[in-house]
Amino acid sequence: MESLCLKGSDWSYEREQRMILWNEQPGYRDFPAECFRGIILGAKISGPDETFVRGLVANRPELGLYRAEIDREEFKLNIVDA
């Protein structure tokens, strides 16, 4: 459990939230729309997965869409508009 909740201090700016459901089957979860301000596409997202996510947010103009890019000089990800 500790390793699932551990996060390096270098990444604290992300303000990430994690949810662990021990007694539930894997799958989709419903969250209120107001919980989200934007979606970040992973640096190595596949073409089909990106198309799927873009389809989900196409009718949600209030959500920002961003992409994580691997920095070429430092050990970090840059978040840019997608």
C-alpha atoms as a PDB file:
ATOM      1  CA  MET A   1       0.000   0.000   0.000  1.00  0.00           C
ATOM      2  CA  GLU A   2       2.817   2.401   0.868  1.00  0.00           C
ATOM      3  CA  SER A   3       4.447   2.011  -2.555  1.00  0.00           C
ATOM      4  CA  LEU A   4       1.144   2.837  -4.302  1.00  0.00           C
ATOM      5  CA  CYS A   5       0.898   6.105  -2.398  1.00  0.00           C
ATOM      6  CA  LEU A   6       4.561   7.104  -2.539  1.00  0.00           C
ATOM      7  CA  LYS A   7       5.453  10.081  -4.697  1.00  0.00           C
ATOM      8  CA  GLY A   8       8.785  11.835  -5.057  1.00  0.00           C
ATOM      9  CA  SER A   9       8.917  15.446  -3.849  1.00  0.00           C
ATOM     10  CA  ASP A  10      10.132  16.528  -7.321  1.00  0.00           C
ATOM     11  CA  TRP A  11       6.648  15.733  -8.619  1.00  0.00           C
ATOM     12  CA  SER A  12       4.650  17.424  -5.847  1.00  0.00           C
ATOM     13  CA  TYR A  13       3.635  20.306  -8.145  1.00  0.00           C
ATOM     14  CA  GLU A  14       1.301  17.886  -9.997  1.00  0.00           C
ATOM     15  CA  ARG A  15      -1.196  17.804  -7.104  1.00  0.00           C
ATOM     16  CA  GLU A  16      -2.143  14.309  -8.269  1.00  0.00           C
ATOM     17  CA  GLN A  17      -4.993  12.412  -6.650  1.00  0.00           C
ATOM     18  CA  ARG A  18      -5.049   8.610  -6.565  1.00  0.00           C
ATOM     19  CA  MET A  19      -7.973   6.314  -5.917  1.00  0.00           C
ATOM     20  CA  ILE A  20      -7.483   2.698  -4.874  1.00  0.00           C
ATOM     21  CA  LEU A  21     -10.490   0.389  -4.677  1.00  0.00           C
ATOM     22  CA  TRP A  22      -9.383  -2.939  -3.201  1.00  0.00           C
ATOM     23  CA  ASN A  23     -12.691  -4.781  -3.362  1.00  0.00           C
ATOM     24  CA  GLU A  24     -13.811  -3.664  -6.806  1.00  0.00           C
ATOM     25  CA  GLN A  25     -13.358  -5.058 -10.276  1.00  0.00           C
ATOM     26  CA  PRO A  26     -11.225  -3.060 -12.743  1.00  0.00           C
ATOM     27  CA  GLY A  27     -13.181  -0.834 -15.079  1.00  0.00           C
ATOM     28  CA  TYR A  28     -14.648   2.589 -15.635  1.00  0.00           C
ATOM     29  CA  ARG A  29     -15.766   4.803 -12.776  1.00  0.00           C
ATOM     30  CA  ASP A  30     -18.211   7.684 -12.877  1.00  0.00           C
ATOM     31  CA  PHE A  31     -17.068  11.033 -11.507  1.00  0.00           C
ATOM     32  CA  PRO A  32     -18.997  14.301 -11.411  1.00  0.00           C
ATOM     33  CA  ALA A  33     -18.030  16.478 -14.392  1.00  0.00           C
ATOM     34  CA  GLU A  34     -17.022  19.345 -12.109  1.00  0.00           C
ATOM     35  CA  CYS A  35     -14.136  17.206 -10.773  1.00  0.00           C
ATOM     36  CA  PHE A  36     -12.194  17.781 -13.987  1.00  0.00           C
ATOM     37  CA  ARG A  37     -10.572  20.873 -15.474  1.00  0.00           C
ATOM     38  CA  GLY A  38      -8.574  19.143 -18.190  1.00  0.00           C
ATOM     39  CA  ILE A  39      -7.099  15.961 -19.608  1.00  0.00           C
ATOM     40  CA  ILE A  40      -3.394  15.302 -20.126  1.00  0.00           C
ATOM     41  CA  LEU A  41      -2.506  12.881 -22.920  1.00  0.00           C
ATOM     42  CA  GLY A  42       0.499  10.759 -21.989  1.00  0.00           C
ATOM     43  CA  ALA A  43       3.817  11.260 -23.756  1.00  0.00           C
ATOM     44  CA  LYS A  44       3.580   7.798 -25.313  1.00  0.00           C
ATOM     45  CA  ILE A  45      -0.168   7.561 -25.936  1.00  0.00           C
ATOM     46  CA  SER A  46      -1.086   5.436 -28.940  1.00  0.00           C
ATOM     47  CA  GLY A  47      -2.889   6.932 -31.928  1.00  0.00           C
ATOM     48  CA  PRO A  48      -6.096   4.942 -31.308  1.00  0.00           C
ATOM     49  CA  ASP A  49      -6.142   5.890 -27.614  1.00  0.00           C
ATOM     50  CA  GLU A  50      -5.627   9.568 -28.424  1.00  0.00           C
ATOM     51  CA  THR A  51      -8.482   9.430 -30.944  1.00  0.00           C
ATOM     52  CA  PHE A  52     -10.690   7.797 -28.300  1.00  0.00           C
ATOM     53  CA  VAL A  53      -9.910  10.470 -25.673  1.00  0.00           C
ATOM     54  CA  ARG A  54     -10.378  13.308 -28.160  1.00  0.00           C
ATOM     55  CA  GLY A  55     -13.782  11.856 -29.006  1.00  0.00           C
ATOM     56  CA  LEU A  56     -14.747  11.830 -25.340  1.00  0.00           C
ATOM     57  CA  VAL A  57     -13.871  15.496 -24.836  1.00  0.00           C
ATOM     58  CA  ALA A  58     -15.035  16.815 -28.215  1.00  0.00           C
ATOM     59  CA  ASN A  59     -18.289  18.122 -26.747  1.00  0.00           C
ATOM     60  CA  ARG A  60     -16.685  19.414 -23.552  1.00  0.00           C
ATOM     61  CA  PRO A  61     -15.196  22.833 -24.451  1.00  0.00           C
ATOM     62  CA  GLU A  62     -14.714  23.628 -20.751  1.00  0.00           C
ATOM     63  CA  LEU A  63     -12.032  20.942 -20.522  1.00  0.00           C
ATOM     64  CA  GLY A  64      -8.484  21.782 -21.485  1.00  0.00           C
ATOM     65  CA  LEU A  65      -6.635  19.172 -23.540  1.00  0.00           C
ATOM     66  CA  TYR A  66      -2.906  18.891 -22.949  1.00  0.00           C
ATOM     67  CA  ARG A  67      -0.039  16.621 -23.901  1.00  0.00           C
ATOM     68  CA  ALA A  68       2.900  15.458 -21.803  1.00  0.00           C
ATOM     69  CA  GLU A  69       6.187  15.738 -23.687  1.00  0.00           C
ATOM     70  CA  ILE A  70       9.460  14.232 -22.502  1.00  0.00           C
ATOM     71  CA  ASP A  71      12.015  16.972 -21.912  1.00  0.00           C
ATOM     72  CA  ARG A  72      15.181  16.422 -23.953  1.00  0.00           C
ATOM     73  CA  GLU A  73      17.525  18.010 -21.426  1.00  0.00           C
ATOM     74  CA  GLU A  74      16.084  17.390 -17.961  1.00  0.00           C
ATOM     75  CA  PHE A  75      14.395  14.491 -16.190  1.00  0.00           C
ATOM     76  CA  LYS A  76      10.890  15.906 -16.457  1.00  0.00           C
ATOM     77  CA  LEU A  77       7.746  16.104 -18.537  1.00  0.00           C
ATOM     78  CA  ASN A  78       6.546  19.329 -20.119  1.00  0.00           C
ATOM     79  CA  ILE A  79       2.775  19.811 -20.285  1.00  0.00           C
ATOM     80  CA  VAL A  80       1.753  21.647 -23.459  1.00  0.00           C
ATOM     81  CA  ASP A  81      -1.512  22.344 -25.283  1.00  0.00           C
ATOM     82  CA  ALA A  82      -2.565  19.390 -27.395  1.00  0.00           C
END
